[in-house]
């Protein structure tokens, strides 16, 4: 696929960053005008202005067929759908354990100021999440699945995997470096330090899934499944159908016990990932 112009990697990333900044400014102005009464609508607008439009516009500047380069034109296959669902359930206990470990992280006393700032940032994020997951009706549940599940998955994958990771694949960086750098940025940009490690692992899975399958839709589906499961379990908990924390505690050992299930989950997840890597090596194509 012919590029429009041989932009340097740094220039391409700066273009993405500039467009994201412009989108954030525009979205912020609209937020100030409408207030914070419509949180889900505000998040959807942010997804479009800060993630989707900058991703598509920047790739349209770099390539003649941006949708093809980003992997939007390759439909998901049943094989990969089965793999995505299987991987989610296999990795769930291990991911829960990583979340538990990361949330229990403490910094040395001389870094207490930084830790207080991190905790305050985490508390603000938790408060926003609590508002988003205040789901008590079927209508609210379906809207939340669309916004928190699908739109978040679509927008973040379009930017991080479809644009950022994909354009870095055309540089001299190796594919593993590209996937890791993108995953680190993906996790860091959420500004939730006590969830950095599990989100980094999620970013690695989504990045390699894009490389192996060649379809951005697979990463979008995997991301949507991850987010939507949180919405589903929250709704079921609010309805009194399942107990509080159902699914979140799977893999987290009782005090003093060895995390056998979590370790087995991590080993099985790594084994499946290595198998996919070995059998789905794809040359980078424009």
C-alpha atoms as a PDB file:
ATOM      1  CA  UNK A   1       0.000   0.000   0.000  1.00  0.00           C
ATOM      2  CA  UNK A   2       1.518   3.286  -1.105  1.00  0.00           C
ATOM      3  CA  UNK A   3       1.963   5.958   1.545  1.00  0.00           C
ATOM      4  CA  UNK A   4       0.922   9.522   0.789  1.00  0.00           C
ATOM      5  CA  UNK A   5       4.268  10.784   2.028  1.00  0.00           C
ATOM      6  CA  UNK A   6       7.199   9.226   3.822  1.00  0.00           C
ATOM      7  CA  UNK A   7       6.624  10.957   7.154  1.00  0.00           C
ATOM      8  CA  UNK A   8       9.099  10.191   9.919  1.00  0.00           C
ATOM      9  CA  UNK A   9       7.660   8.228  12.832  1.00  0.00           C
ATOM     10  CA  UNK A  10       8.103  11.165  15.202  1.00  0.00           C
ATOM     11  CA  UNK A  11       6.181  13.435  12.830  1.00  0.00           C
ATOM     12  CA  UNK A  12       3.333  10.948  12.513  1.00  0.00           C
ATOM     13  CA  UNK A  13       3.037  10.546  16.271  1.00  0.00           C
ATOM     14  CA  UNK A  14       3.109  14.327  16.737  1.00  0.00           C
ATOM     15  CA  UNK A  15       0.286  14.691  14.211  1.00  0.00           C
ATOM     16  CA  UNK A  16      -1.791  12.163  16.188  1.00  0.00           C
ATOM     17  CA  UNK A  17      -1.006  13.967  19.439  1.00  0.00           C
ATOM     18  CA  UNK A  18      -1.934  17.341  17.943  1.00  0.00           C
ATOM     19  CA  UNK A  19      -5.262  16.033  16.610  1.00  0.00           C
ATOM     20  CA  UNK A  20      -5.999  14.412  19.960  1.00  0.00           C
ATOM     21  CA  UNK A  21      -5.284  17.718  21.691  1.00  0.00           C
ATOM     22  CA  UNK A  22      -7.590  19.597  19.344  1.00  0.00           C
ATOM     23  CA  UNK A  23     -10.292  16.991  19.889  1.00  0.00           C
ATOM     24  CA  UNK A  24      -9.870  17.224  23.665  1.00  0.00           C
ATOM     25  CA  UNK A  25     -10.159  21.018  23.581  1.00  0.00           C
ATOM     26  CA  UNK A  26     -13.306  20.826  21.454  1.00  0.00           C
ATOM     27  CA  UNK A  27     -14.863  18.167  23.666  1.00  0.00           C
ATOM     28  CA  UNK A  28     -14.001  20.135  26.814  1.00  0.00           C
ATOM     29  CA  UNK A  29     -15.689  23.271  25.456  1.00  0.00           C
ATOM     30  CA  UNK A  30     -18.822  21.260  24.696  1.00  0.00           C
ATOM     31  CA  UNK A  31     -18.666  19.695  28.195  1.00  0.00           C
ATOM     32  CA  UNK A  32     -18.572  23.148  29.751  1.00  0.00           C
ATOM     33  CA  UNK A  33     -21.580  24.222  27.709  1.00  0.00           C
ATOM     34  CA  UNK A  34     -23.814  21.216  28.466  1.00  0.00           C
ATOM     35  CA  UNK A  35     -22.580  20.494  32.004  1.00  0.00           C
ATOM     36  CA  UNK A  36     -22.045  17.045  33.478  1.00  0.00           C
ATOM     37  CA  UNK A  37     -25.665  15.893  33.562  1.00  0.00           C
ATOM     38  CA  UNK A  38     -25.242  13.533  30.649  1.00  0.00           C
ATOM     39  CA  UNK A  39     -22.130  11.563  31.555  1.00  0.00           C
ATOM     40  CA  UNK A  40     -22.580   8.755  29.024  1.00  0.00           C
ATOM     41  CA  UNK A  41     -23.163  11.242  26.206  1.00  0.00           C
ATOM     42  CA  UNK A  42     -20.059  13.157  27.243  1.00  0.00           C
ATOM     43  CA  UNK A  43     -17.968   9.990  27.197  1.00  0.00           C
ATOM     44  CA  UNK A  44     -19.281   9.081  23.741  1.00  0.00           C
ATOM     45  CA  UNK A  45     -18.370  12.543  22.471  1.00  0.00           C
ATOM     46  CA  UNK A  46     -14.910  12.166  23.985  1.00  0.00           C
ATOM     47  CA  UNK A  47     -14.483   8.773  22.298  1.00  0.00           C
ATOM     48  CA  UNK A  48     -15.281  10.327  18.925  1.00  0.00           C
ATOM     49  CA  UNK A  49     -13.380  13.607  19.277  1.00  0.00           C
ATOM     50  CA  UNK A  50     -10.280  12.439  21.152  1.00  0.00           C
ATOM     51  CA  UNK A  51      -9.804   8.915  19.802  1.00  0.00           C
ATOM     52  CA  UNK A  52     -11.728   7.991  16.629  1.00  0.00           C
ATOM     53  CA  UNK A  53     -11.403  11.185  14.567  1.00  0.00           C
ATOM     54  CA  UNK A  54      -7.697  11.759  15.361  1.00  0.00           C
ATOM     55  CA  UNK A  55      -6.945   8.120  14.490  1.00  0.00           C
ATOM     56  CA  UNK A  56      -8.785   8.133  11.161  1.00  0.00           C
ATOM     57  CA  UNK A  57      -7.705  11.638  10.118  1.00  0.00           C
ATOM     58  CA  UNK A  58      -4.043  11.043  10.906  1.00  0.00           C
ATOM     59  CA  UNK A  59      -3.979   7.706   9.056  1.00  0.00           C
ATOM     60  CA  UNK A  60      -5.744   9.359   6.091  1.00  0.00           C
ATOM     61  CA  UNK A  61      -2.816  11.794   5.953  1.00  0.00           C
ATOM     62  CA  UNK A  62      -0.286   8.955   5.959  1.00  0.00           C
ATOM     63  CA  UNK A  63      -1.926   6.364   3.670  1.00  0.00           C
ATOM     64  CA  UNK A  64      -4.135   6.263   0.564  1.00  0.00           C
ATOM     65  CA  UNK A  65      -6.371   3.531   2.056  1.00  0.00           C
ATOM     66  CA  UNK A  66      -6.470   4.220   5.809  1.00  0.00           C
ATOM     67  CA  UNK A  67      -9.307   1.797   6.565  1.00  0.00           C
ATOM     68  CA  UNK A  68      -7.347  -1.026   4.948  1.00  0.00           C
ATOM     69  CA  UNK A  69      -4.107  -0.166   6.730  1.00  0.00           C
ATOM     70  CA  UNK A  70      -5.909   0.081  10.081  1.00  0.00           C
ATOM     71  CA  UNK A  71      -7.451  -3.368   9.613  1.00  0.00           C
ATOM     72  CA  UNK A  72     -11.045  -2.155   9.487  1.00  0.00           C
ATOM     73  CA  UNK A  73     -11.783  -3.862   6.171  1.00  0.00           C
ATOM     74  CA  UNK A  74     -10.970  -7.390   7.361  1.00  0.00           C
ATOM     75  CA  UNK A  75     -14.050  -9.031   8.851  1.00  0.00           C
ATOM     76  CA  UNK A  76     -13.665 -11.085  12.045  1.00  0.00           C
ATOM     77  CA  UNK A  77     -13.665 -14.867  11.590  1.00  0.00           C
ATOM     78  CA  UNK A  78     -15.411 -17.465  13.740  1.00  0.00           C
ATOM     79  CA  UNK A  79     -12.025 -18.997  14.569  1.00  0.00           C
ATOM     80  CA  UNK A  80     -10.772 -15.775  16.108  1.00  0.00           C
ATOM     81  CA  UNK A  81     -14.080 -15.095  17.852  1.00  0.00           C
ATOM     82  CA  UNK A  82     -13.804 -18.448  19.619  1.00  0.00           C
ATOM     83  CA  UNK A  83     -10.186 -17.711  20.545  1.00  0.00           C
ATOM     84  CA  UNK A  84     -11.083 -14.278  21.972  1.00  0.00           C
ATOM     85  CA  UNK A  85     -13.902 -15.649  24.131  1.00  0.00           C
ATOM     86  CA  UNK A  86     -11.823 -18.632  25.278  1.00  0.00           C
ATOM     87  CA  UNK A  87      -8.880 -16.410  26.172  1.00  0.00           C
ATOM     88  CA  UNK A  88     -11.109 -14.101  28.205  1.00  0.00           C
ATOM     89  CA  UNK A  89     -12.366 -16.912  30.440  1.00  0.00           C
ATOM     90  CA  UNK A  90      -8.982 -18.624  30.659  1.00  0.00           C
ATOM     91  CA  UNK A  91      -7.215 -15.419  31.670  1.00  0.00           C
ATOM     92  CA  UNK A  92      -9.901 -14.120  34.076  1.00  0.00           C
ATOM     93  CA  UNK A  93      -8.530 -15.631  37.333  1.00  0.00           C
ATOM     94  CA  UNK A  94      -5.009 -14.505  36.490  1.00  0.00           C
ATOM     95  CA  UNK A  95      -6.146 -10.990  35.585  1.00  0.00           C
ATOM     96  CA  UNK A  96      -8.161 -10.724  38.804  1.00  0.00           C
ATOM     97  CA  UNK A  97      -5.057 -11.676  40.775  1.00  0.00           C
ATOM     98  CA  UNK A  98      -2.962  -9.073  38.944  1.00  0.00           C
ATOM     99  CA  UNK A  99      -5.621  -6.451  39.688  1.00  0.00           C
ATOM    100  CA  UNK A 100      -5.549  -7.453  43.367  1.00  0.00           C
ATOM    101  CA  UNK A 101      -1.735  -7.262  43.539  1.00  0.00           C
ATOM    102  CA  UNK A 102      -1.589  -3.906  41.735  1.00  0.00           C
ATOM    103  CA  UNK A 103      -4.291  -2.409  43.963  1.00  0.00           C
ATOM    104  CA  UNK A 104      -2.313  -3.521  47.053  1.00  0.00           C
ATOM    105  CA  UNK A 105       0.829  -1.729  45.886  1.00  0.00           C
ATOM    106  CA  UNK A 106       2.470   0.656  48.360  1.00  0.00           C
ATOM    107  CA  UNK A 107       5.359   3.039  47.784  1.00  0.00           C
ATOM    108  CA  UNK A 108       8.280   3.781  50.147  1.00  0.00           C
ATOM    109  CA  UNK A 109       7.655   6.393  52.835  1.00  0.00           C
ATOM    110  CA  UNK A 110       9.878   8.944  51.077  1.00  0.00           C
ATOM    111  CA  UNK A 111       7.456   8.776  48.128  1.00  0.00           C
ATOM    112  CA  UNK A 112       4.377   9.384  50.298  1.00  0.00           C
ATOM    113  CA  UNK A 113       3.525  12.610  48.457  1.00  0.00           C
ATOM    114  CA  UNK A 114       3.465  10.816  45.114  1.00  0.00           C
ATOM    115  CA  UNK A 115       1.409   7.994  46.603  1.00  0.00           C
ATOM    116  CA  UNK A 116      -1.156  10.434  47.994  1.00  0.00           C
ATOM    117  CA  UNK A 117      -1.466  12.044  44.558  1.00  0.00           C
ATOM    118  CA  UNK A 118      -1.865   8.614  42.942  1.00  0.00           C
ATOM    119  CA  UNK A 119      -4.509   7.622  45.487  1.00  0.00           C
ATOM    120  CA  UNK A 120      -6.409  10.873  44.935  1.00  0.00           C
ATOM    121  CA  UNK A 121      -6.341  10.305  41.165  1.00  0.00           C
ATOM    122  CA  UNK A 122      -7.543   6.749  41.700  1.00  0.00           C
ATOM    123  CA  UNK A 123     -10.371   7.925  43.973  1.00  0.00           C
ATOM    124  CA  UNK A 124     -11.573  10.390  41.328  1.00  0.00           C
ATOM    125  CA  UNK A 125     -11.534   7.666  38.696  1.00  0.00           C
ATOM    126  CA  UNK A 126     -13.402   5.336  41.058  1.00  0.00           C
ATOM    127  CA  UNK A 127     -16.077   7.974  41.648  1.00  0.00           C
ATOM    128  CA  UNK A 128     -16.580   8.429  37.908  1.00  0.00           C
ATOM    129  CA  UNK A 129     -16.762   4.652  37.442  1.00  0.00           C
ATOM    130  CA  UNK A 130     -19.331   4.425  40.233  1.00  0.00           C
ATOM    131  CA  UNK A 131     -21.533   6.968  38.449  1.00  0.00           C
ATOM    132  CA  UNK A 132     -21.162   5.141  35.136  1.00  0.00           C
ATOM    133  CA  UNK A 133     -22.075   1.790  36.667  1.00  0.00           C
ATOM    134  CA  UNK A 134     -25.167   3.025  38.516  1.00  0.00           C
ATOM    135  CA  UNK A 135     -27.246   0.722  36.316  1.00  0.00           C
ATOM    136  CA  UNK A 136     -30.737  -0.328  37.421  1.00  0.00           C
ATOM    137  CA  UNK A 137     -32.879  -0.616  34.267  1.00  0.00           C
ATOM    138  CA  UNK A 138     -32.668  -2.648  31.088  1.00  0.00           C
ATOM    139  CA  UNK A 139     -32.516   0.530  28.998  1.00  0.00           C
ATOM    140  CA  UNK A 140     -29.656   1.933  31.065  1.00  0.00           C
ATOM    141  CA  UNK A 141     -27.914  -1.440  30.847  1.00  0.00           C
ATOM    142  CA  UNK A 142     -28.108  -1.532  27.038  1.00  0.00           C
ATOM    143  CA  UNK A 143     -26.939   2.083  26.722  1.00  0.00           C
ATOM    144  CA  UNK A 144     -24.037   1.331  29.076  1.00  0.00           C
ATOM    145  CA  UNK A 145     -23.053  -1.744  27.052  1.00  0.00           C
ATOM    146  CA  UNK A 146     -22.968   0.436  23.944  1.00  0.00           C
ATOM    147  CA  UNK A 147     -20.999   3.324  25.503  1.00  0.00           C
ATOM    148  CA  UNK A 148     -18.738   1.608  28.049  1.00  0.00           C
ATOM    149  CA  UNK A 149     -18.397  -1.622  26.102  1.00  0.00           C
ATOM    150  CA  UNK A 150     -18.528  -1.034  22.374  1.00  0.00           C
ATOM    151  CA  UNK A 151     -17.684   2.678  21.973  1.00  0.00           C
ATOM    152  CA  UNK A 152     -14.752   2.489  24.373  1.00  0.00           C
ATOM    153  CA  UNK A 153     -13.478  -0.604  22.603  1.00  0.00           C
ATOM    154  CA  UNK A 154     -13.931   0.902  19.142  1.00  0.00           C
ATOM    155  CA  UNK A 155     -12.407   4.286  19.940  1.00  0.00           C
ATOM    156  CA  UNK A 156      -9.403   3.108  21.936  1.00  0.00           C
ATOM    157  CA  UNK A 157      -8.529   0.326  19.506  1.00  0.00           C
ATOM    158  CA  UNK A 158      -8.851   2.686  16.544  1.00  0.00           C
ATOM    159  CA  UNK A 159      -6.284   5.011  18.099  1.00  0.00           C
ATOM    160  CA  UNK A 160      -3.894   2.724  19.952  1.00  0.00           C
ATOM    161  CA  UNK A 161      -3.829  -0.356  17.740  1.00  0.00           C
ATOM    162  CA  UNK A 162      -5.226   0.858  14.401  1.00  0.00           C
ATOM    163  CA  UNK A 163      -3.295   4.134  14.276  1.00  0.00           C
ATOM    164  CA  UNK A 164      -0.456   4.268  16.792  1.00  0.00           C
ATOM    165  CA  UNK A 165       0.653   0.647  16.718  1.00  0.00           C
ATOM    166  CA  UNK A 166       0.009   0.278  12.996  1.00  0.00           C
ATOM    167  CA  UNK A 167       2.016   3.342  11.993  1.00  0.00           C
ATOM    168  CA  UNK A 168       4.898   2.273  14.255  1.00  0.00           C
ATOM    169  CA  UNK A 169       4.950  -1.082  12.471  1.00  0.00           C
ATOM    170  CA  UNK A 170       6.250   0.791   9.412  1.00  0.00           C
ATOM    171  CA  UNK A 171       9.247   2.047  11.377  1.00  0.00           C
ATOM    172  CA  UNK A 172      12.489   0.261  12.152  1.00  0.00           C
ATOM    173  CA  UNK A 173      11.171  -0.839  15.528  1.00  0.00           C
ATOM    174  CA  UNK A 174      10.617  -4.557  15.957  1.00  0.00           C
ATOM    175  CA  UNK A 175       7.048  -5.791  16.289  1.00  0.00           C
ATOM    176  CA  UNK A 176       7.492  -6.719  19.965  1.00  0.00           C
ATOM    177  CA  UNK A 177       8.831  -3.255  20.800  1.00  0.00           C
ATOM    178  CA  UNK A 178       5.892  -1.697  18.936  1.00  0.00           C
ATOM    179  CA  UNK A 179       3.306  -3.778  20.800  1.00  0.00           C
ATOM    180  CA  UNK A 180       4.929  -3.098  24.185  1.00  0.00           C
ATOM    181  CA  UNK A 181       5.307   0.651  23.619  1.00  0.00           C
ATOM    182  CA  UNK A 182       1.688   0.929  22.522  1.00  0.00           C
ATOM    183  CA  UNK A 183       0.488  -1.118  25.510  1.00  0.00           C
ATOM    184  CA  UNK A 184       2.461   1.063  27.942  1.00  0.00           C
ATOM    185  CA  UNK A 185       1.021   4.264  26.449  1.00  0.00           C
ATOM    186  CA  UNK A 186      -2.464   2.705  26.431  1.00  0.00           C
ATOM    187  CA  UNK A 187      -2.229   1.874  30.130  1.00  0.00           C
ATOM    188  CA  UNK A 188      -0.546   5.129  31.177  1.00  0.00           C
ATOM    189  CA  UNK A 189      -3.045   7.401  29.417  1.00  0.00           C
ATOM    190  CA  UNK A 190      -5.855   6.092  31.653  1.00  0.00           C
ATOM    191  CA  UNK A 191      -4.088   7.688  34.667  1.00  0.00           C
ATOM    192  CA  UNK A 192      -5.121   4.829  36.956  1.00  0.00           C
ATOM    193  CA  UNK A 193      -1.870   3.787  38.592  1.00  0.00           C
ATOM    194  CA  UNK A 194      -3.353   1.020  40.721  1.00  0.00           C
ATOM    195  CA  UNK A 195      -4.619  -0.682  37.590  1.00  0.00           C
ATOM    196  CA  UNK A 196      -1.548  -0.050  35.421  1.00  0.00           C
ATOM    197  CA  UNK A 197      -0.205  -3.620  35.323  1.00  0.00           C
ATOM    198  CA  UNK A 198      -3.415  -5.479  34.392  1.00  0.00           C
ATOM    199  CA  UNK A 199      -4.258  -2.792  31.816  1.00  0.00           C
ATOM    200  CA  UNK A 200      -0.750  -3.152  30.380  1.00  0.00           C
ATOM    201  CA  UNK A 201      -1.299  -6.906  30.077  1.00  0.00           C
ATOM    202  CA  UNK A 202      -4.654  -6.253  28.398  1.00  0.00           C
ATOM    203  CA  UNK A 203      -2.929  -3.868  25.981  1.00  0.00           C
ATOM    204  CA  UNK A 204      -0.357  -6.535  25.104  1.00  0.00           C
ATOM    205  CA  UNK A 205      -3.098  -9.060  24.351  1.00  0.00           C
ATOM    206  CA  UNK A 206      -4.999  -6.572  22.187  1.00  0.00           C
ATOM    207  CA  UNK A 207      -1.831  -5.541  20.370  1.00  0.00           C
ATOM    208  CA  UNK A 208      -0.676  -9.057  19.562  1.00  0.00           C
ATOM    209  CA  UNK A 209      -4.224 -10.044  18.643  1.00  0.00           C
ATOM    210  CA  UNK A 210      -4.208  -7.292  16.010  1.00  0.00           C
ATOM    211  CA  UNK A 211      -0.852  -8.504  14.667  1.00  0.00           C
ATOM    212  CA  UNK A 212      -1.874 -12.171  14.569  1.00  0.00           C
ATOM    213  CA  UNK A 213      -5.372 -11.775  13.135  1.00  0.00           C
ATOM    214  CA  UNK A 214      -4.741  -8.802  10.853  1.00  0.00           C
ATOM    215  CA  UNK A 215      -8.203  -7.508  11.755  1.00  0.00           C
ATOM    216  CA  UNK A 216      -8.730  -4.540  14.059  1.00  0.00           C
ATOM    217  CA  UNK A 217     -12.233  -5.855  14.700  1.00  0.00           C
ATOM    218  CA  UNK A 218     -10.793  -8.720  16.742  1.00  0.00           C
ATOM    219  CA  UNK A 219      -9.085  -6.287  19.107  1.00  0.00           C
ATOM    220  CA  UNK A 220     -12.288  -4.236  19.256  1.00  0.00           C
ATOM    221  CA  UNK A 221     -14.357  -7.318  20.083  1.00  0.00           C
ATOM    222  CA  UNK A 222     -11.875  -8.447  22.762  1.00  0.00           C
ATOM    223  CA  UNK A 223     -11.834  -4.962  24.288  1.00  0.00           C
ATOM    224  CA  UNK A 224     -15.632  -4.734  24.152  1.00  0.00           C
ATOM    225  CA  UNK A 225     -15.974  -8.154  25.821  1.00  0.00           C
ATOM    226  CA  UNK A 226     -13.652  -7.099  28.634  1.00  0.00           C
ATOM    227  CA  UNK A 227     -15.542  -3.847  29.312  1.00  0.00           C
ATOM    228  CA  UNK A 228     -19.030  -5.259  28.803  1.00  0.00           C
ATOM    229  CA  UNK A 229     -18.471  -8.043  31.324  1.00  0.00           C
ATOM    230  CA  UNK A 230     -17.959  -5.392  34.012  1.00  0.00           C
ATOM    231  CA  UNK A 231     -21.230  -3.712  33.011  1.00  0.00           C
ATOM    232  CA  UNK A 232     -23.062  -7.048  32.983  1.00  0.00           C
ATOM    233  CA  UNK A 233     -21.878  -8.203  36.411  1.00  0.00           C
ATOM    234  CA  UNK A 234     -22.592  -4.756  37.891  1.00  0.00           C
ATOM    235  CA  UNK A 235     -26.129  -4.807  36.512  1.00  0.00           C
ATOM    236  CA  UNK A 236     -26.742  -8.336  37.802  1.00  0.00           C
ATOM    237  CA  UNK A 237     -25.396  -7.299  41.211  1.00  0.00           C
ATOM    238  CA  UNK A 238     -27.640  -4.228  41.312  1.00  0.00           C
ATOM    239  CA  UNK A 239     -30.602  -6.457  40.493  1.00  0.00           C
ATOM    240  CA  UNK A 240     -29.699  -8.832  43.318  1.00  0.00           C
ATOM    241  CA  UNK A 241     -29.149 -11.725  40.895  1.00  0.00           C
ATOM    242  CA  UNK A 242     -25.493 -12.285  41.795  1.00  0.00           C
ATOM    243  CA  UNK A 243     -23.587 -11.354  44.980  1.00  0.00           C
ATOM    244  CA  UNK A 244     -21.329  -8.325  45.254  1.00  0.00           C
ATOM    245  CA  UNK A 245     -17.943  -8.869  43.614  1.00  0.00           C
ATOM    246  CA  UNK A 246     -19.124 -11.909  41.661  1.00  0.00           C
ATOM    247  CA  UNK A 247     -16.482 -12.759  39.087  1.00  0.00           C
ATOM    248  CA  UNK A 248     -14.003 -10.181  40.443  1.00  0.00           C
ATOM    249  CA  UNK A 249     -12.814 -12.503  43.221  1.00  0.00           C
ATOM    250  CA  UNK A 250     -12.226 -15.529  41.008  1.00  0.00           C
ATOM    251  CA  UNK A 251      -8.537 -16.368  41.256  1.00  0.00           C
ATOM    252  CA  UNK A 252      -7.849 -14.209  44.310  1.00  0.00           C
ATOM    253  CA  UNK A 253      -6.705 -16.590  47.071  1.00  0.00           C
ATOM    254  CA  UNK A 254      -7.905 -16.449  50.650  1.00  0.00           C
ATOM    255  CA  UNK A 255      -5.393 -15.006  53.117  1.00  0.00           C
ATOM    256  CA  UNK A 256      -2.361 -17.233  53.399  1.00  0.00           C
ATOM    257  CA  UNK A 257      -3.282 -19.637  50.617  1.00  0.00           C
ATOM    258  CA  UNK A 258      -1.339 -20.142  47.396  1.00  0.00           C
ATOM    259  CA  UNK A 259      -2.961 -18.671  44.246  1.00  0.00           C
ATOM    260  CA  UNK A 260      -3.150 -21.985  42.385  1.00  0.00           C
ATOM    261  CA  UNK A 261      -6.028 -20.984  40.132  1.00  0.00           C
ATOM    262  CA  UNK A 262      -4.442 -17.651  39.198  1.00  0.00           C
ATOM    263  CA  UNK A 263      -1.077 -19.257  38.426  1.00  0.00           C
ATOM    264  CA  UNK A 264      -2.755 -21.952  36.326  1.00  0.00           C
ATOM    265  CA  UNK A 265      -4.710 -19.237  34.509  1.00  0.00           C
ATOM    266  CA  UNK A 266      -1.552 -17.265  33.728  1.00  0.00           C
ATOM    267  CA  UNK A 267       0.295 -20.364  32.494  1.00  0.00           C
ATOM    268  CA  UNK A 268      -2.633 -21.406  30.288  1.00  0.00           C
ATOM    269  CA  UNK A 269      -2.993 -17.865  28.907  1.00  0.00           C
ATOM    270  CA  UNK A 270       0.709 -17.652  28.083  1.00  0.00           C
ATOM    271  CA  UNK A 271       0.601 -21.085  26.459  1.00  0.00           C
ATOM    272  CA  UNK A 272      -2.318 -20.046  24.235  1.00  0.00           C
ATOM    273  CA  UNK A 273      -0.585 -16.753  23.364  1.00  0.00           C
ATOM    274  CA  UNK A 274       2.644 -18.552  22.428  1.00  0.00           C
ATOM    275  CA  UNK A 275       0.690 -20.996  20.285  1.00  0.00           C
ATOM    276  CA  UNK A 276      -1.025 -18.126  18.461  1.00  0.00           C
ATOM    277  CA  UNK A 277       2.287 -16.346  17.991  1.00  0.00           C
ATOM    278  CA  UNK A 278       3.903 -19.444  16.526  1.00  0.00           C
ATOM    279  CA  UNK A 279       1.058 -20.233  14.131  1.00  0.00           C
ATOM    280  CA  UNK A 280       0.043 -16.713  13.069  1.00  0.00           C
ATOM    281  CA  UNK A 281       3.218 -14.867  12.167  1.00  0.00           C
ATOM    282  CA  UNK A 282       2.294 -12.214   9.640  1.00  0.00           C
ATOM    283  CA  UNK A 283       4.635  -9.961   7.683  1.00  0.00           C
ATOM    284  CA  UNK A 284       3.914  -6.278   8.127  1.00  0.00           C
ATOM    285  CA  UNK A 285       2.141  -4.992   5.024  1.00  0.00           C
ATOM    286  CA  UNK A 286       1.033  -1.549   4.023  1.00  0.00           C
END
